[in-house]
Amino acid sequence: IESGGGLVQAGGSLRVSCVASTTMFESYAMA
């Protein structure tokens, strides 16, 4: 589940996040 998107002005900053449902998150590479 991604979140954190939105509208920003050029030159600005934004952080998007992705939460995984698995309890074995350490088993996965992410991209």
Full PDB file with SEQRES, HELIX, SHEET, SSBOND, CRYST1, ORIGX, SCALE, CONECT and MASTER records, all heavy atoms in Angstrom:
SEQRES   1 A   31  ILE GLU SER GLY GLY GLY LEU VAL GLN ALA GLY GLY SER          
SEQRES   2 A   31  LEU ARG VAL SER CYS VAL ALA SER THR THR MET PHE GLU          
SEQRES   3 A   31  SER TYR ALA MET ALA                                          
HELIX    1 AA1 PHE A   25  SER A   27  5                                   3    
SHEET    1 AA1 2 GLU A   2  SER A   3  0                                        
SHEET    2 AA1 2 SER A  17  CYS A  18 -1                                        
CRYST1    1.000    1.000    1.000  90.00  90.00  90.00 P 1           1          
ORIGX1      1.000000  0.000000  0.000000        0.00000                         
ORIGX2      0.000000  1.000000  0.000000        0.00000                         
ORIGX3      0.000000  0.000000  1.000000        0.00000                         
SCALE1      1.000000  0.000000  0.000000        0.00000                         
SCALE2      0.000000  1.000000  0.000000        0.00000                         
SCALE3      0.000000  0.000000  1.000000        0.00000                         
ATOM      1  N   ILE A   1       0.843  -1.186   0.000  1.00  0.00           N  
ATOM      2  CA  ILE A   1       0.000   0.000   0.000  1.00  0.00           C  
ATOM      3  C   ILE A   1       0.879   1.236   0.000  1.00  0.00           C  
ATOM      4  O   ILE A   1       1.575   1.508   0.986  1.00  0.00           O  
ATOM      5  CB  ILE A   1      -0.952   0.024   1.205  1.00  0.00           C  
ATOM      6  CG1 ILE A   1      -1.770  -1.270   1.283  1.00  0.00           C  
ATOM      7  CG2 ILE A   1      -1.865   1.242   1.124  1.00  0.00           C  
ATOM      8  CD1 ILE A   1      -2.677  -1.494   0.105  1.00  0.00           C  
ATOM      9  N   GLU A   2       0.818   1.986  -1.089  1.00  0.00           N  
ATOM     10  CA  GLU A   2       1.581   3.220  -1.199  1.00  0.00           C  
ATOM     11  C   GLU A   2       0.789   4.390  -0.638  1.00  0.00           C  
ATOM     12  O   GLU A   2      -0.441   4.393  -0.656  1.00  0.00           O  
ATOM     13  CB  GLU A   2       1.938   3.527  -2.656  1.00  0.00           C  
ATOM     14  CG  GLU A   2       2.748   2.447  -3.355  1.00  0.00           C  
ATOM     15  CD  GLU A   2       1.899   1.529  -4.198  1.00  0.00           C  
ATOM     16  OE1 GLU A   2       0.698   1.368  -3.892  1.00  0.00           O  
ATOM     17  OE2 GLU A   2       2.430   0.963  -5.170  1.00  0.00           O  
ATOM     18  N   SER A   3       1.517   5.386  -0.174  1.00  0.00           N  
ATOM     19  CA  SER A   3       0.899   6.607   0.301  1.00  0.00           C  
ATOM     20  C   SER A   3       1.916   7.741   0.208  1.00  0.00           C  
ATOM     21  O   SER A   3       3.097   7.515  -0.027  1.00  0.00           O  
ATOM     22  CB  SER A   3       0.398   6.466   1.742  1.00  0.00           C  
ATOM     23  OG  SER A   3       1.475   6.233   2.636  1.00  0.00           O  
ATOM     24  N   GLY A   4       1.453   8.945   0.397  1.00  0.00           N  
ATOM     25  CA  GLY A   4       2.335  10.098   0.450  1.00  0.00           C  
ATOM     26  C   GLY A   4       2.421  10.900  -0.824  1.00  0.00           C  
ATOM     27  O   GLY A   4       3.092  11.939  -0.848  1.00  0.00           O  
ATOM     28  N   GLY A   5       1.768  10.444  -1.876  1.00  0.00           N  
ATOM     29  CA  GLY A   5       1.770  11.213  -3.102  1.00  0.00           C  
ATOM     30  C   GLY A   5       0.959  12.483  -2.953  1.00  0.00           C  
ATOM     31  O   GLY A   5       0.207  12.664  -1.989  1.00  0.00           O  
ATOM     32  N   GLY A   6       1.122  13.369  -3.914  1.00  0.00           N  
ATOM     33  CA  GLY A   6       0.392  14.622  -3.873  1.00  0.00           C  
ATOM     34  C   GLY A   6       0.925  15.602  -4.884  1.00  0.00           C  
ATOM     35  O   GLY A   6       1.667  15.241  -5.804  1.00  0.00           O  
ATOM     36  N   LEU A   7       0.544  16.846  -4.703  1.00  0.00           N  
ATOM     37  CA  LEU A   7       0.933  17.931  -5.598  1.00  0.00           C  
ATOM     38  C   LEU A   7       1.995  18.783  -4.929  1.00  0.00           C  
ATOM     39  O   LEU A   7       1.798  19.256  -3.803  1.00  0.00           O  
ATOM     40  CB  LEU A   7      -0.287  18.784  -5.946  1.00  0.00           C  
ATOM     41  CG  LEU A   7      -0.042  20.044  -6.770  1.00  0.00           C  
ATOM     42  CD1 LEU A   7       0.484  19.677  -8.155  1.00  0.00           C  
ATOM     43  CD2 LEU A   7      -1.324  20.854  -6.872  1.00  0.00           C  
ATOM     44  N   VAL A   8       3.107  18.970  -5.619  1.00  0.00           N  
ATOM     45  CA  VAL A   8       4.184  19.816  -5.117  1.00  0.00           C  
ATOM     46  C   VAL A   8       4.678  20.715  -6.234  1.00  0.00           C  
ATOM     47  O   VAL A   8       4.506  20.416  -7.418  1.00  0.00           O  
ATOM     48  CB  VAL A   8       5.361  18.997  -4.541  1.00  0.00           C  
ATOM     49  CG1 VAL A   8       4.910  18.172  -3.349  1.00  0.00           C  
ATOM     50  CG2 VAL A   8       5.953  18.095  -5.618  1.00  0.00           C  
ATOM     51  N   GLN A   9       5.305  21.806  -5.853  1.00  0.00           N  
ATOM     52  CA  GLN A   9       5.894  22.710  -6.825  1.00  0.00           C  
ATOM     53  C   GLN A   9       7.282  22.228  -7.229  1.00  0.00           C  
ATOM     54  O   GLN A   9       7.965  21.545  -6.463  1.00  0.00           O  
ATOM     55  CB  GLN A   9       5.990  24.121  -6.256  1.00  0.00           C  
ATOM     56  CG  GLN A   9       4.648  24.776  -5.987  1.00  0.00           C  
ATOM     57  CD  GLN A   9       4.790  26.203  -5.489  1.00  0.00           C  
ATOM     58  OE1 GLN A   9       5.889  26.744  -5.420  1.00  0.00           O  
ATOM     59  NE2 GLN A   9       3.674  26.815  -5.152  1.00  0.00           N  
ATOM     60  N   ALA A  10       7.678  22.573  -8.436  1.00  0.00           N  
ATOM     61  CA  ALA A  10       9.024  22.240  -8.888  1.00  0.00           C  
ATOM     62  C   ALA A  10      10.052  22.751  -7.892  1.00  0.00           C  
ATOM     63  O   ALA A  10       9.956  23.873  -7.399  1.00  0.00           O  
ATOM     64  CB  ALA A  10       9.279  22.828 -10.267  1.00  0.00           C  
ATOM     65  N   GLY A  11      11.037  21.910  -7.618  1.00  0.00           N  
ATOM     66  CA  GLY A  11      12.050  22.230  -6.628  1.00  0.00           C  
ATOM     67  C   GLY A  11      11.712  21.775  -5.231  1.00  0.00           C  
ATOM     68  O   GLY A  11      12.581  21.801  -4.350  1.00  0.00           O  
ATOM     69  N   GLY A  12      10.499  21.348  -5.024  1.00  0.00           N  
ATOM     70  CA  GLY A  12      10.073  20.897  -3.718  1.00  0.00           C  
ATOM     71  C   GLY A  12      10.427  19.455  -3.447  1.00  0.00           C  
ATOM     72  O   GLY A  12      11.066  18.781  -4.257  1.00  0.00           O  
ATOM     73  N   SER A  13       9.986  18.978  -2.296  1.00  0.00           N  
ATOM     74  CA  SER A  13      10.294  17.624  -1.854  1.00  0.00           C  
ATOM     75  C   SER A  13       9.024  16.886  -1.457  1.00  0.00           C  
ATOM     76  O   SER A  13       8.021  17.494  -1.073  1.00  0.00           O  
ATOM     77  CB  SER A  13      11.250  17.652  -0.654  1.00  0.00           C  
ATOM     78  OG  SER A  13      12.490  18.229  -0.989  1.00  0.00           O  
ATOM     79  N   LEU A  14       9.117  15.576  -1.535  1.00  0.00           N  
ATOM     80  CA  LEU A  14       8.004  14.726  -1.163  1.00  0.00           C  
ATOM     81  C   LEU A  14       8.563  13.358  -0.783  1.00  0.00           C  
ATOM     82  O   LEU A  14       9.542  12.904  -1.384  1.00  0.00           O  
ATOM     83  CB  LEU A  14       7.024  14.593  -2.320  1.00  0.00           C  
ATOM     84  CG  LEU A  14       5.608  14.075  -2.029  1.00  0.00           C  
ATOM     85  CD1 LEU A  14       4.845  15.070  -1.161  1.00  0.00           C  
ATOM     86  CD2 LEU A  14       4.867  13.835  -3.339  1.00  0.00           C  
ATOM     87  N   ARG A  15       7.956  12.719   0.196  1.00  0.00           N  
ATOM     88  CA  ARG A  15       8.324  11.358   0.551  1.00  0.00           C  
ATOM     89  C   ARG A  15       7.121  10.452   0.397  1.00  0.00           C  
ATOM     90  O   ARG A  15       6.075  10.689   1.008  1.00  0.00           O  
ATOM     91  CB  ARG A  15       8.861  11.271   1.984  1.00  0.00           C  
ATOM     92  CG  ARG A  15       9.413   9.888   2.317  1.00  0.00           C  
ATOM     93  CD  ARG A  15       9.955   9.779   3.726  1.00  0.00           C  
ATOM     94  NE  ARG A  15       8.886   9.742   4.719  1.00  0.00           N  
ATOM     95  CZ  ARG A  15       9.062   9.377   5.990  1.00  0.00           C  
ATOM     96  NH1 ARG A  15      10.266   9.032   6.421  1.00  0.00           N  
ATOM     97  NH2 ARG A  15       8.041   9.393   6.826  1.00  0.00           N  
ATOM     98  N   VAL A  16       7.279   9.422  -0.428  1.00  0.00           N  
ATOM     99  CA  VAL A  16       6.241   8.426  -0.571  1.00  0.00           C  
ATOM    100  C   VAL A  16       6.631   7.184   0.214  1.00  0.00           C  
ATOM    101  O   VAL A  16       7.811   6.890   0.386  1.00  0.00           O  
ATOM    102  CB  VAL A  16       5.957   8.078  -2.047  1.00  0.00           C  
ATOM    103  CG1 VAL A  16       5.309   9.272  -2.747  1.00  0.00           C  
ATOM    104  CG2 VAL A  16       7.228   7.679  -2.780  1.00  0.00           C  
ATOM    105  N   SER A  17       5.631   6.475   0.691  1.00  0.00           N  
ATOM    106  CA  SER A  17       5.846   5.311   1.529  1.00  0.00           C  
ATOM    107  C   SER A  17       5.094   4.119   0.970  1.00  0.00           C  
ATOM    108  O   SER A  17       4.097   4.273   0.267  1.00  0.00           O  
ATOM    109  CB  SER A  17       5.364   5.571   2.963  1.00  0.00           C  
ATOM    110  OG  SER A  17       5.994   6.695   3.528  1.00  0.00           O  
ATOM    111  N   CYS A  18       5.566   2.943   1.308  1.00  0.00           N  
ATOM    112  CA  CYS A  18       4.901   1.708   0.921  1.00  0.00           C  
ATOM    113  C   CYS A  18       4.964   0.753   2.096  1.00  0.00           C  
ATOM    114  O   CYS A  18       6.052   0.393   2.548  1.00  0.00           O  
ATOM    115  CB  CYS A  18       5.573   1.101  -0.311  1.00  0.00           C  
ATOM    116  SG  CYS A  18       4.917  -0.505  -0.804  1.00  0.00           S  
ATOM    117  N   VAL A  19       3.809   0.349   2.584  1.00  0.00           N  
ATOM    118  CA  VAL A  19       3.711  -0.574   3.703  1.00  0.00           C  
ATOM    119  C   VAL A  19       3.325  -1.948   3.176  1.00  0.00           C  
ATOM    120  O   VAL A  19       2.367  -2.080   2.413  1.00  0.00           O  
ATOM    121  CB  VAL A  19       2.688  -0.087   4.737  1.00  0.00           C  
ATOM    122  CG1 VAL A  19       2.578  -1.079   5.887  1.00  0.00           C  
ATOM    123  CG2 VAL A  19       3.077   1.285   5.268  1.00  0.00           C  
ATOM    124  N   ALA A  20       4.051  -2.960   3.597  1.00  0.00           N  
ATOM    125  CA  ALA A  20       3.794  -4.333   3.185  1.00  0.00           C  
ATOM    126  C   ALA A  20       3.049  -5.087   4.272  1.00  0.00           C  
ATOM    127  O   ALA A  20       3.324  -4.917   5.463  1.00  0.00           O  
ATOM    128  CB  ALA A  20       5.098  -5.048   2.863  1.00  0.00           C  
ATOM    129  N   SER A  21       2.134  -5.941   3.858  1.00  0.00           N  
ATOM    130  CA  SER A  21       1.324  -6.685   4.818  1.00  0.00           C  
ATOM    131  C   SER A  21       2.050  -7.867   5.427  1.00  0.00           C  
ATOM    132  O   SER A  21       1.654  -8.354   6.473  1.00  0.00           O  
ATOM    133  CB  SER A  21       0.045  -7.177   4.143  1.00  0.00           C  
ATOM    134  OG  SER A  21       0.339  -8.097   3.104  1.00  0.00           O  
ATOM    135  N   THR A  22       3.103  -8.319   4.792  1.00  0.00           N  
ATOM    136  CA  THR A  22       3.796  -9.519   5.236  1.00  0.00           C  
ATOM    137  C   THR A  22       4.553  -9.301   6.535  1.00  0.00           C  
ATOM    138  O   THR A  22       5.074  -8.218   6.798  1.00  0.00           O  
ATOM    139  CB  THR A  22       4.769 -10.018   4.157  1.00  0.00           C  
ATOM    140  OG1 THR A  22       5.445 -11.192   4.629  1.00  0.00           O  
ATOM    141  CG2 THR A  22       5.827  -8.959   3.840  1.00  0.00           C  
ATOM    142  N   THR A  23       4.619 -10.363   7.337  1.00  0.00           N  
ATOM    143  CA  THR A  23       5.438 -10.331   8.541  1.00  0.00           C  
ATOM    144  C   THR A  23       6.883 -10.716   8.245  1.00  0.00           C  
ATOM    145  O   THR A  23       7.727 -10.642   9.139  1.00  0.00           O  
ATOM    146  CB  THR A  23       4.880 -11.278   9.616  1.00  0.00           C  
ATOM    147  OG1 THR A  23       4.830 -12.616   9.102  1.00  0.00           O  
ATOM    148  CG2 THR A  23       3.489 -10.850  10.029  1.00  0.00           C  
ATOM    149  N   MET A  24       7.149 -11.121   6.997  1.00  0.00           N  
ATOM    150  CA  MET A  24       8.485 -11.498   6.571  1.00  0.00           C  
ATOM    151  C   MET A  24       9.047 -10.457   5.611  1.00  0.00           C  
ATOM    152  O   MET A  24       9.618 -10.786   4.576  1.00  0.00           O  
ATOM    153  CB  MET A  24       8.459 -12.876   5.908  1.00  0.00           C  
ATOM    154  CG  MET A  24       8.035 -13.994   6.840  1.00  0.00           C  
ATOM    155  SD  MET A  24       9.201 -14.218   8.212  1.00  0.00           S  
ATOM    156  CE  MET A  24      10.660 -14.749   7.333  1.00  0.00           C  
ATOM    157  N   PHE A  25       8.892  -9.210   5.975  1.00  0.00           N  
ATOM    158  CA  PHE A  25       9.334  -8.127   5.115  1.00  0.00           C  
ATOM    159  C   PHE A  25      10.816  -8.220   4.794  1.00  0.00           C  
ATOM    160  O   PHE A  25      11.250  -7.845   3.701  1.00  0.00           O  
ATOM    161  CB  PHE A  25       9.007  -6.790   5.786  1.00  0.00           C  
ATOM    162  CG  PHE A  25       9.298  -5.584   4.947  1.00  0.00           C  
ATOM    163  CD1 PHE A  25       8.584  -5.339   3.788  1.00  0.00           C  
ATOM    164  CD2 PHE A  25      10.279  -4.689   5.329  1.00  0.00           C  
ATOM    165  CE1 PHE A  25       8.836  -4.216   3.012  1.00  0.00           C  
ATOM    166  CE2 PHE A  25      10.538  -3.559   4.561  1.00  0.00           C  
ATOM    167  CZ  PHE A  25       9.817  -3.326   3.402  1.00  0.00           C  
ATOM    168  N   GLU A  26      11.593  -8.726   5.738  1.00  0.00           N  
ATOM    169  CA  GLU A  26      13.036  -8.833   5.546  1.00  0.00           C  
ATOM    170  C   GLU A  26      13.418  -9.806   4.438  1.00  0.00           C  
ATOM    171  O   GLU A  26      14.559  -9.795   3.985  1.00  0.00           O  
ATOM    172  CB  GLU A  26      13.716  -9.259   6.852  1.00  0.00           C  
ATOM    173  CG  GLU A  26      13.577  -8.267   7.997  1.00  0.00           C  
ATOM    174  CD  GLU A  26      12.327  -8.501   8.827  1.00  0.00           C  
ATOM    175  OE1 GLU A  26      11.444  -9.272   8.398  1.00  0.00           O  
ATOM    176  OE2 GLU A  26      12.229  -7.914   9.923  1.00  0.00           O  
ATOM    177  N   SER A  27      12.486 -10.648   3.996  1.00  0.00           N  
ATOM    178  CA  SER A  27      12.769 -11.613   2.942  1.00  0.00           C  
ATOM    179  C   SER A  27      12.724 -11.002   1.548  1.00  0.00           C  
ATOM    180  O   SER A  27      13.092 -11.666   0.582  1.00  0.00           O  
ATOM    181  CB  SER A  27      11.776 -12.779   2.999  1.00  0.00           C  
ATOM    182  OG  SER A  27      11.881 -13.476   4.226  1.00  0.00           O  
ATOM    183  N   TYR A  28      12.272  -9.772   1.443  1.00  0.00           N  
ATOM    184  CA  TYR A  28      12.028  -9.153   0.152  1.00  0.00           C  
ATOM    185  C   TYR A  28      12.956  -7.987  -0.123  1.00  0.00           C  
ATOM    186  O   TYR A  28      13.180  -7.132   0.741  1.00  0.00           O  
ATOM    187  CB  TYR A  28      10.580  -8.660   0.063  1.00  0.00           C  
ATOM    188  CG  TYR A  28       9.564  -9.761   0.112  1.00  0.00           C  
ATOM    189  CD1 TYR A  28       9.023 -10.177   1.321  1.00  0.00           C  
ATOM    190  CD2 TYR A  28       9.146 -10.383  -1.057  1.00  0.00           C  
ATOM    191  CE1 TYR A  28       8.090 -11.198   1.368  1.00  0.00           C  
ATOM    192  CE2 TYR A  28       8.213 -11.400  -1.020  1.00  0.00           C  
ATOM    193  CZ  TYR A  28       7.691 -11.803   0.200  1.00  0.00           C  
ATOM    194  OH  TYR A  28       6.757 -12.813   0.233  1.00  0.00           O  
ATOM    195  N   ALA A  29      13.469  -7.969  -1.341  1.00  0.00           N  
ATOM    196  CA  ALA A  29      14.020  -6.739  -1.869  1.00  0.00           C  
ATOM    197  C   ALA A  29      12.870  -5.869  -2.353  1.00  0.00           C  
ATOM    198  O   ALA A  29      11.832  -6.381  -2.780  1.00  0.00           O  
ATOM    199  CB  ALA A  29      14.980  -7.029  -3.016  1.00  0.00           C  
ATOM    200  N   MET A  30      13.039  -4.578  -2.275  1.00  0.00           N  
ATOM    201  CA  MET A  30      11.968  -3.656  -2.615  1.00  0.00           C  
ATOM    202  C   MET A  30      12.423  -2.682  -3.685  1.00  0.00           C  
ATOM    203  O   MET A  30      13.614  -2.410  -3.842  1.00  0.00           O  
ATOM    204  CB  MET A  30      11.513  -2.879  -1.372  1.00  0.00           C  
ATOM    205  CG  MET A  30      11.008  -3.752  -0.234  1.00  0.00           C  
ATOM    206  SD  MET A  30       9.507  -4.670  -0.665  1.00  0.00           S  
ATOM    207  CE  MET A  30       8.343  -3.316  -0.926  1.00  0.00           C  
ATOM    208  N   ALA A  31      11.457  -2.140  -4.395  1.00  0.00           N  
ATOM    209  CA  ALA A  31      11.775  -1.206  -5.467  1.00  0.00           C  
ATOM    210  C   ALA A  31      10.650  -0.214  -5.660  1.00  0.00           C  
ATOM    211  O   ALA A  31       9.507  -0.443  -5.243  1.00  0.00           O  
ATOM    212  CB  ALA A  31      12.044  -1.950  -6.776  1.00  0.00           C  
TER     213      ALA A  31                                                      
MASTER        0    0    0    1    2    0    0    6  212    1    0    3          
END                                                                             
